[in-house]
Amino acid sequence: VGAGLAKARINVWVLQSVAFTLWLLTVIWLF
């Protein structure tokens, strides 16, 4: 996720929002 979003040249807060969503989904899926 970090490497993929790092290459996207859009607003950094949008990227962090996407990262937070993917983080939450990863934790939920794993558990």
PDB file of all heavy atoms in Angstrom:
ATOM      1  N   VAL A   1       0.835  -1.206   0.000  1.00  0.00           N
ATOM      2  CA  VAL A   1       0.000   0.000   0.000  1.00  0.00           C
ATOM      3  C   VAL A   1       0.869   1.254   0.000  1.00  0.00           C
ATOM      4  O   VAL A   1       0.631   2.199  -0.760  1.00  0.00           O
ATOM      5  CB  VAL A   1      -0.949  -0.003   1.217  1.00  0.00           C
ATOM      6  CG1 VAL A   1      -1.666   1.344   1.347  1.00  0.00           C
ATOM      7  CG2 VAL A   1      -1.966  -1.122   1.085  1.00  0.00           C
ATOM      8  N   GLY A   2       1.896   1.272   0.847  1.00  0.00           N
ATOM      9  CA  GLY A   2       2.768   2.438   0.911  1.00  0.00           C
ATOM     10  C   GLY A   2       3.490   2.704  -0.397  1.00  0.00           C
ATOM     11  O   GLY A   2       3.560   3.848  -0.862  1.00  0.00           O
ATOM     12  N   ALA A   3       4.027   1.654  -1.003  1.00  0.00           N
ATOM     13  CA  ALA A   3       4.742   1.819  -2.269  1.00  0.00           C
ATOM     14  C   ALA A   3       3.794   2.225  -3.395  1.00  0.00           C
ATOM     15  O   ALA A   3       4.127   3.064  -4.240  1.00  0.00           O
ATOM     16  CB  ALA A   3       5.461   0.527  -2.628  1.00  0.00           C
ATOM     17  N   GLY A   4       2.595   1.640  -3.407  1.00  0.00           N
ATOM     18  CA  GLY A   4       1.633   1.965  -4.460  1.00  0.00           C
ATOM     19  C   GLY A   4       1.127   3.389  -4.356  1.00  0.00           C
ATOM     20  O   GLY A   4       1.093   4.129  -5.361  1.00  0.00           O
ATOM     21  N   LEU A   5       0.750   3.814  -3.169  1.00  0.00           N
ATOM     22  CA  LEU A   5       0.235   5.169  -2.999  1.00  0.00           C
ATOM     23  C   LEU A   5       1.327   6.225  -3.160  1.00  0.00           C
ATOM     24  O   LEU A   5       1.043   7.365  -3.539  1.00  0.00           O
ATOM     25  CB  LEU A   5      -0.427   5.315  -1.625  1.00  0.00           C
ATOM     26  CG  LEU A   5      -1.695   4.485  -1.394  1.00  0.00           C
ATOM     27  CD1 LEU A   5      -2.276   4.765  -0.011  1.00  0.00           C
ATOM     28  CD2 LEU A   5      -2.745   4.772  -2.464  1.00  0.00           C
ATOM     29  N   ALA A   6       2.567   5.861  -2.861  1.00  0.00           N
ATOM     30  CA  ALA A   6       3.667   6.819  -2.982  1.00  0.00           C
ATOM     31  C   ALA A   6       3.857   7.276  -4.419  1.00  0.00           C
ATOM     32  O   ALA A   6       4.344   8.385  -4.664  1.00  0.00           O
ATOM     33  CB  ALA A   6       4.956   6.197  -2.454  1.00  0.00           C
ATOM     34  N   LYS A   7       3.479   6.452  -5.379  1.00  0.00           N
ATOM     35  CA  LYS A   7       3.663   6.794  -6.790  1.00  0.00           C
ATOM     36  C   LYS A   7       2.525   7.653  -7.332  1.00  0.00           C
ATOM     37  O   LYS A   7       2.632   8.188  -8.435  1.00  0.00           O
ATOM     38  CB  LYS A   7       3.778   5.521  -7.624  1.00  0.00           C
ATOM     39  CG  LYS A   7       4.813   4.529  -7.128  1.00  0.00           C
ATOM     40  CD  LYS A   7       6.196   5.134  -7.050  1.00  0.00           C
ATOM     41  CE  LYS A   7       6.773   5.406  -8.427  1.00  0.00           C
ATOM     42  NZ  LYS A   7       8.160   5.916  -8.334  1.00  0.00           N
ATOM     43  N   ALA A   8       1.442   7.776  -6.587  1.00  0.00           N
ATOM     44  CA  ALA A   8       0.284   8.556  -7.051  1.00  0.00           C
ATOM     45  C   ALA A   8       0.498  10.021  -6.736  1.00  0.00           C
ATOM     46  O   ALA A   8       0.738  10.391  -5.583  1.00  0.00           O
ATOM     47  CB  ALA A   8      -0.993   8.044  -6.387  1.00  0.00           C
ATOM     48  N   ARG A   9       0.412  10.868  -7.727  1.00  0.00           N
ATOM     49  CA  ARG A   9       0.656  12.297  -7.557  1.00  0.00           C
ATOM     50  C   ARG A   9      -0.665  13.038  -7.377  1.00  0.00           C
ATOM     51  O   ARG A   9      -1.086  13.833  -8.207  1.00  0.00           O
ATOM     52  CB  ARG A   9       1.427  12.848  -8.757  1.00  0.00           C
ATOM     53  CG  ARG A   9       2.808  12.222  -8.914  1.00  0.00           C
ATOM     54  CD  ARG A   9       3.648  12.411  -7.672  1.00  0.00           C
ATOM     55  NE  ARG A   9       4.916  11.677  -7.725  1.00  0.00           N
ATOM     56  CZ  ARG A   9       5.777  11.609  -6.732  1.00  0.00           C
ATOM     57  NH1 ARG A   9       5.487  12.223  -5.588  1.00  0.00           N
ATOM     58  NH2 ARG A   9       6.889  10.928  -6.850  1.00  0.00           N
ATOM     59  N   ILE A  10      -1.320  12.747  -6.268  1.00  0.00           N
ATOM     60  CA  ILE A  10      -2.539  13.464  -5.920  1.00  0.00           C
ATOM     61  C   ILE A  10      -2.397  13.960  -4.494  1.00  0.00           C
ATOM     62  O   ILE A  10      -1.380  13.731  -3.830  1.00  0.00           O
ATOM     63  CB  ILE A  10      -3.795  12.575  -6.076  1.00  0.00           C
ATOM     64  CG1 ILE A  10      -3.688  11.316  -5.194  1.00  0.00           C
ATOM     65  CG2 ILE A  10      -4.016  12.176  -7.520  1.00  0.00           C
ATOM     66  CD1 ILE A  10      -4.924  10.432  -5.255  1.00  0.00           C
ATOM     67  N   ASN A  11      -3.421  14.636  -4.008  1.00  0.00           N
ATOM     68  CA  ASN A  11      -3.360  15.233  -2.682  1.00  0.00           C
ATOM     69  C   ASN A  11      -2.967  14.212  -1.625  1.00  0.00           C
ATOM     70  O   ASN A  11      -3.517  13.102  -1.571  1.00  0.00           O
ATOM     71  CB  ASN A  11      -4.724  15.848  -2.341  1.00  0.00           C
ATOM     72  CG  ASN A  11      -4.687  16.600  -1.024  1.00  0.00           C
ATOM     73  OD1 ASN A  11      -4.803  16.016   0.037  1.00  0.00           O
ATOM     74  ND2 ASN A  11      -4.520  17.911  -1.114  1.00  0.00           N
ATOM     75  N   VAL A  12      -2.004  14.597  -0.774  1.00  0.00           N
ATOM     76  CA  VAL A  12      -1.464  13.657   0.197  1.00  0.00           C
ATOM     77  C   VAL A  12      -2.507  13.228   1.220  1.00  0.00           C
ATOM     78  O   VAL A  12      -2.490  12.091   1.702  1.00  0.00           O
ATOM     79  CB  VAL A  12      -0.229  14.279   0.896  1.00  0.00           C
ATOM     80  CG1 VAL A  12      -0.620  15.455   1.767  1.00  0.00           C
ATOM     81  CG2 VAL A  12       0.513  13.233   1.716  1.00  0.00           C
ATOM     82  N   TRP A  13      -3.461  14.124   1.541  1.00  0.00           N
ATOM     83  CA  TRP A  13      -4.483  13.761   2.515  1.00  0.00           C
ATOM     84  C   TRP A  13      -5.466  12.745   1.932  1.00  0.00           C
ATOM     85  O   TRP A  13      -5.990  11.889   2.648  1.00  0.00           O
ATOM     86  CB  TRP A  13      -5.220  15.003   3.002  1.00  0.00           C
ATOM     87  CG  TRP A  13      -4.334  15.890   3.823  1.00  0.00           C
ATOM     88  CD1 TRP A  13      -3.830  17.111   3.472  1.00  0.00           C
ATOM     89  CD2 TRP A  13      -3.804  15.595   5.125  1.00  0.00           C
ATOM     90  NE1 TRP A  13      -3.035  17.605   4.465  1.00  0.00           N
ATOM     91  CE2 TRP A  13      -3.002  16.703   5.499  1.00  0.00           C
ATOM     92  CE3 TRP A  13      -3.926  14.528   6.008  1.00  0.00           C
ATOM     93  CZ2 TRP A  13      -2.327  16.754   6.719  1.00  0.00           C
ATOM     94  CZ3 TRP A  13      -3.252  14.581   7.216  1.00  0.00           C
ATOM     95  CH2 TRP A  13      -2.469  15.679   7.564  1.00  0.00           C
ATOM     96  N   VAL A  14      -5.695  12.832   0.641  1.00  0.00           N
ATOM     97  CA  VAL A  14      -6.522  11.818  -0.023  1.00  0.00           C
ATOM     98  C   VAL A  14      -5.819  10.466   0.032  1.00  0.00           C
ATOM     99  O   VAL A  14      -6.438   9.428   0.319  1.00  0.00           O
ATOM    100  CB  VAL A  14      -6.810  12.228  -1.483  1.00  0.00           C
ATOM    101  CG1 VAL A  14      -7.548  11.117  -2.216  1.00  0.00           C
ATOM    102  CG2 VAL A  14      -7.617  13.519  -1.531  1.00  0.00           C
ATOM    103  N   LEU A  15      -4.506  10.492  -0.203  1.00  0.00           N
ATOM    104  CA  LEU A  15      -3.746   9.246  -0.167  1.00  0.00           C
ATOM    105  C   LEU A  15      -3.760   8.628   1.234  1.00  0.00           C
ATOM    106  O   LEU A  15      -3.910   7.412   1.377  1.00  0.00           O
ATOM    107  CB  LEU A  15      -2.302   9.520  -0.599  1.00  0.00           C
ATOM    108  CG  LEU A  15      -2.092   9.934  -2.055  1.00  0.00           C
ATOM    109  CD1 LEU A  15      -0.631  10.256  -2.306  1.00  0.00           C
ATOM    110  CD2 LEU A  15      -2.563   8.843  -2.997  1.00  0.00           C
ATOM    111  N   GLN A  16      -3.625   9.469   2.248  1.00  0.00           N
ATOM    112  CA  GLN A  16      -3.632   8.938   3.613  1.00  0.00           C
ATOM    113  C   GLN A  16      -5.012   8.405   3.999  1.00  0.00           C
ATOM    114  O   GLN A  16      -5.119   7.444   4.783  1.00  0.00           O
ATOM    115  CB  GLN A  16      -3.183  10.014   4.605  1.00  0.00           C
ATOM    116  CG  GLN A  16      -1.790  10.561   4.348  1.00  0.00           C
ATOM    117  CD  GLN A  16      -0.743   9.470   4.133  1.00  0.00           C
ATOM    118  OE1 GLN A  16      -0.732   8.451   4.821  1.00  0.00           O
ATOM    119  NE2 GLN A  16       0.138   9.684   3.162  1.00  0.00           N
ATOM    120  N   SER A  17      -6.055   9.007   3.457  1.00  0.00           N
ATOM    121  CA  SER A  17      -7.403   8.495   3.708  1.00  0.00           C
ATOM    122  C   SER A  17      -7.578   7.119   3.082  1.00  0.00           C
ATOM    123  O   SER A  17      -8.161   6.204   3.692  1.00  0.00           O
ATOM    124  CB  SER A  17      -8.449   9.465   3.151  1.00  0.00           C
ATOM    125  OG  SER A  17      -8.354  10.728   3.778  1.00  0.00           O
ATOM    126  N   VAL A  18      -7.056   6.966   1.873  1.00  0.00           N
ATOM    127  CA  VAL A  18      -7.098   5.658   1.212  1.00  0.00           C
ATOM    128  C   VAL A  18      -6.278   4.642   2.010  1.00  0.00           C
ATOM    129  O   VAL A  18      -6.696   3.492   2.205  1.00  0.00           O
ATOM    130  CB  VAL A  18      -6.577   5.770  -0.234  1.00  0.00           C
ATOM    131  CG1 VAL A  18      -6.468   4.383  -0.875  1.00  0.00           C
ATOM    132  CG2 VAL A  18      -7.481   6.667  -1.061  1.00  0.00           C
ATOM    133  N   ALA A  19      -5.108   5.071   2.481  1.00  0.00           N
ATOM    134  CA  ALA A  19      -4.250   4.187   3.273  1.00  0.00           C
ATOM    135  C   ALA A  19      -4.956   3.746   4.555  1.00  0.00           C
ATOM    136  O   ALA A  19      -4.884   2.569   4.941  1.00  0.00           O
ATOM    137  CB  ALA A  19      -2.933   4.887   3.606  1.00  0.00           C
ATOM    138  N   PHE A  20      -5.630   4.674   5.217  1.00  0.00           N
ATOM    139  CA  PHE A  20      -6.343   4.336   6.450  1.00  0.00           C
ATOM    140  C   PHE A  20      -7.437   3.303   6.175  1.00  0.00           C
ATOM    141  O   PHE A  20      -7.610   2.346   6.941  1.00  0.00           O
ATOM    142  CB  PHE A  20      -6.954   5.596   7.058  1.00  0.00           C
ATOM    143  CG  PHE A  20      -7.797   5.328   8.276  1.00  0.00           C
ATOM    144  CD1 PHE A  20      -7.212   5.106   9.508  1.00  0.00           C
ATOM    145  CD2 PHE A  20      -9.184   5.280   8.182  1.00  0.00           C
ATOM    146  CE1 PHE A  20      -7.987   4.846  10.641  1.00  0.00           C
ATOM    147  CE2 PHE A  20      -9.969   5.024   9.299  1.00  0.00           C
ATOM    148  CZ  PHE A  20      -9.361   4.800  10.528  1.00  0.00           C
ATOM    149  N   THR A  21      -8.156   3.488   5.080  1.00  0.00           N
ATOM    150  CA  THR A  21      -9.216   2.543   4.725  1.00  0.00           C
ATOM    151  C   THR A  21      -8.643   1.155   4.456  1.00  0.00           C
ATOM    152  O   THR A  21      -9.170   0.139   4.946  1.00  0.00           O
ATOM    153  CB  THR A  21      -9.981   3.046   3.491  1.00  0.00           C
ATOM    154  OG1 THR A  21     -10.509   4.352   3.757  1.00  0.00           O
ATOM    155  CG2 THR A  21     -11.112   2.103   3.130  1.00  0.00           C
ATOM    156  N   LEU A  22      -7.552   1.104   3.701  1.00  0.00           N
ATOM    157  CA  LEU A  22      -6.932  -0.184   3.386  1.00  0.00           C
ATOM    158  C   LEU A  22      -6.333  -0.826   4.636  1.00  0.00           C
ATOM    159  O   LEU A  22      -6.363  -2.058   4.780  1.00  0.00           O
ATOM    160  CB  LEU A  22      -5.860   0.002   2.315  1.00  0.00           C
ATOM    161  CG  LEU A  22      -6.373   0.439   0.940  1.00  0.00           C
ATOM    162  CD1 LEU A  22      -5.214   0.717   0.000  1.00  0.00           C
ATOM    163  CD2 LEU A  22      -7.292  -0.623   0.347  1.00  0.00           C
ATOM    164  N   TRP A  23      -5.774  -0.011   5.528  1.00  0.00           N
ATOM    165  CA  TRP A  23      -5.262  -0.537   6.797  1.00  0.00           C
ATOM    166  C   TRP A  23      -6.381  -1.181   7.607  1.00  0.00           C
ATOM    167  O   TRP A  23      -6.227  -2.287   8.120  1.00  0.00           O
ATOM    168  CB  TRP A  23      -4.623   0.608   7.581  1.00  0.00           C
ATOM    169  CG  TRP A  23      -4.509   0.359   9.053  1.00  0.00           C
ATOM    170  CD1 TRP A  23      -3.593  -0.441   9.672  1.00  0.00           C
ATOM    171  CD2 TRP A  23      -5.366   0.870  10.079  1.00  0.00           C
ATOM    172  NE1 TRP A  23      -3.819  -0.448  11.030  1.00  0.00           N
ATOM    173  CE2 TRP A  23      -4.892   0.353  11.310  1.00  0.00           C
ATOM    174  CE3 TRP A  23      -6.468   1.721  10.094  1.00  0.00           C
ATOM    175  CZ2 TRP A  23      -5.499   0.663  12.526  1.00  0.00           C
ATOM    176  CZ3 TRP A  23      -7.070   2.027  11.301  1.00  0.00           C
ATOM    177  CH2 TRP A  23      -6.585   1.505  12.497  1.00  0.00           C
ATOM    178  N   LEU A  24      -7.512  -0.493   7.689  1.00  0.00           N
ATOM    179  CA  LEU A  24      -8.640  -1.013   8.466  1.00  0.00           C
ATOM    180  C   LEU A  24      -9.154  -2.318   7.868  1.00  0.00           C
ATOM    181  O   LEU A  24      -9.421  -3.292   8.589  1.00  0.00           O
ATOM    182  CB  LEU A  24      -9.744   0.031   8.521  1.00  0.00           C
ATOM    183  CG  LEU A  24     -10.913  -0.235   9.472  1.00  0.00           C
ATOM    184  CD1 LEU A  24     -10.417  -0.345  10.908  1.00  0.00           C
ATOM    185  CD2 LEU A  24     -11.960   0.873   9.355  1.00  0.00           C
ATOM    186  N   LEU A  25      -9.274  -2.358   6.559  1.00  0.00           N
ATOM    187  CA  LEU A  25      -9.756  -3.571   5.898  1.00  0.00           C
ATOM    188  C   LEU A  25      -8.782  -4.735   6.097  1.00  0.00           C
ATOM    189  O   LEU A  25      -9.206  -5.885   6.279  1.00  0.00           O
ATOM    190  CB  LEU A  25      -9.962  -3.298   4.405  1.00  0.00           C
ATOM    191  CG  LEU A  25     -11.111  -2.355   4.043  1.00  0.00           C
ATOM    192  CD1 LEU A  25     -11.122  -2.078   2.542  1.00  0.00           C
ATOM    193  CD2 LEU A  25     -12.448  -2.944   4.479  1.00  0.00           C
ATOM    194  N   THR A  26      -7.480  -4.439   6.061  1.00  0.00           N
ATOM    195  CA  THR A  26      -6.478  -5.492   6.263  1.00  0.00           C
ATOM    196  C   THR A  26      -6.584  -6.091   7.654  1.00  0.00           C
ATOM    197  O   THR A  26      -6.573  -7.322   7.828  1.00  0.00           O
ATOM    198  CB  THR A  26      -5.062  -4.929   6.046  1.00  0.00           C
ATOM    199  OG1 THR A  26      -4.951  -4.396   4.724  1.00  0.00           O
ATOM    200  CG2 THR A  26      -4.014  -6.020   6.242  1.00  0.00           C
ATOM    201  N   VAL A  27      -6.685  -5.230   8.673  1.00  0.00           N
ATOM    202  CA  VAL A  27      -6.778  -5.709  10.055  1.00  0.00           C
ATOM    203  C   VAL A  27      -8.034  -6.540  10.249  1.00  0.00           C
ATOM    204  O   VAL A  27      -8.003  -7.633  10.834  1.00  0.00           O
ATOM    205  CB  VAL A  27      -6.748  -4.519  11.034  1.00  0.00           C
ATOM    206  CG1 VAL A  27      -7.034  -4.989  12.460  1.00  0.00           C
ATOM    207  CG2 VAL A  27      -5.404  -3.812  10.972  1.00  0.00           C
ATOM    208  N   ILE A  28      -9.150  -6.044   9.734  1.00  0.00           N
ATOM    209  CA  ILE A  28     -10.416  -6.773   9.888  1.00  0.00           C
ATOM    210  C   ILE A  28     -10.350  -8.122   9.182  1.00  0.00           C
ATOM    211  O   ILE A  28     -10.743  -9.159   9.743  1.00  0.00           O
ATOM    212  CB  ILE A  28     -11.577  -5.925   9.352  1.00  0.00           C
ATOM    213  CG1 ILE A  28     -11.799  -4.702  10.255  1.00  0.00           C
ATOM    214  CG2 ILE A  28     -12.859  -6.758   9.251  1.00  0.00           C
ATOM    215  CD1 ILE A  28     -12.814  -3.716   9.708  1.00  0.00           C
ATOM    216  N   TRP A  29      -9.845  -8.127   7.969  1.00  0.00           N
ATOM    217  CA  TRP A  29      -9.759  -9.383   7.204  1.00  0.00           C
ATOM    218  C   TRP A  29      -8.864 -10.400   7.895  1.00  0.00           C
ATOM    219  O   TRP A  29      -9.217 -11.581   8.018  1.00  0.00           O
ATOM    220  CB  TRP A  29      -9.233  -9.084   5.798  1.00  0.00           C
ATOM    221  CG  TRP A  29      -8.877 -10.317   5.032  1.00  0.00           C
ATOM    222  CD1 TRP A  29      -9.724 -11.263   4.536  1.00  0.00           C
ATOM    223  CD2 TRP A  29      -7.552 -10.768   4.713  1.00  0.00           C
ATOM    224  NE1 TRP A  29      -9.012 -12.273   3.913  1.00  0.00           N
ATOM    225  CE2 TRP A  29      -7.683 -11.983   4.007  1.00  0.00           C
ATOM    226  CE3 TRP A  29      -6.282 -10.259   4.928  1.00  0.00           C
ATOM    227  CZ2 TRP A  29      -6.585 -12.693   3.533  1.00  0.00           C
ATOM    228  CZ3 TRP A  29      -5.177 -10.964   4.467  1.00  0.00           C
ATOM    229  CH2 TRP A  29      -5.345 -12.164   3.781  1.00  0.00           C
ATOM    230  N   LEU A  30      -7.698  -9.953   8.385  1.00  0.00           N
ATOM    231  CA  LEU A  30      -6.772 -10.878   9.039  1.00  0.00           C
ATOM    232  C   LEU A  30      -7.388 -11.505  10.292  1.00  0.00           C
ATOM    233  O   LEU A  30      -7.260 -12.707  10.528  1.00  0.00           O
ATOM    234  CB  LEU A  30      -5.477 -10.148   9.399  1.00  0.00           C
ATOM    235  CG  LEU A  30      -4.498  -9.880   8.247  1.00  0.00           C
ATOM    236  CD1 LEU A  30      -3.334  -9.027   8.722  1.00  0.00           C
ATOM    237  CD2 LEU A  30      -3.985 -11.184   7.648  1.00  0.00           C
ATOM    238  N   PHE A  31      -8.090 -10.695  11.084  1.00  0.00           N
ATOM    239  CA  PHE A  31      -8.605 -11.215  12.345  1.00  0.00           C
ATOM    240  C   PHE A  31      -9.889 -12.017  12.166  1.00  0.00           C
ATOM    241  O   PHE A  31     -10.133 -12.970  12.915  1.00  0.00           O
ATOM    242  CB  PHE A  31      -8.803 -10.074  13.348  1.00  0.00           C
ATOM    243  CG  PHE A  31      -7.558  -9.770  14.109  1.00  0.00           C
ATOM    244  CD1 PHE A  31      -6.699  -8.783  13.662  1.00  0.00           C
ATOM    245  CD2 PHE A  31      -7.221 -10.487  15.234  1.00  0.00           C
ATOM    246  CE1 PHE A  31      -5.533  -8.508  14.344  1.00  0.00           C
ATOM    247  CE2 PHE A  31      -6.059 -10.226  15.923  1.00  0.00           C
ATOM    248  CZ  PHE A  31      -5.204  -9.225  15.480  1.00  0.00           C
TER     249      PHE A  31
END
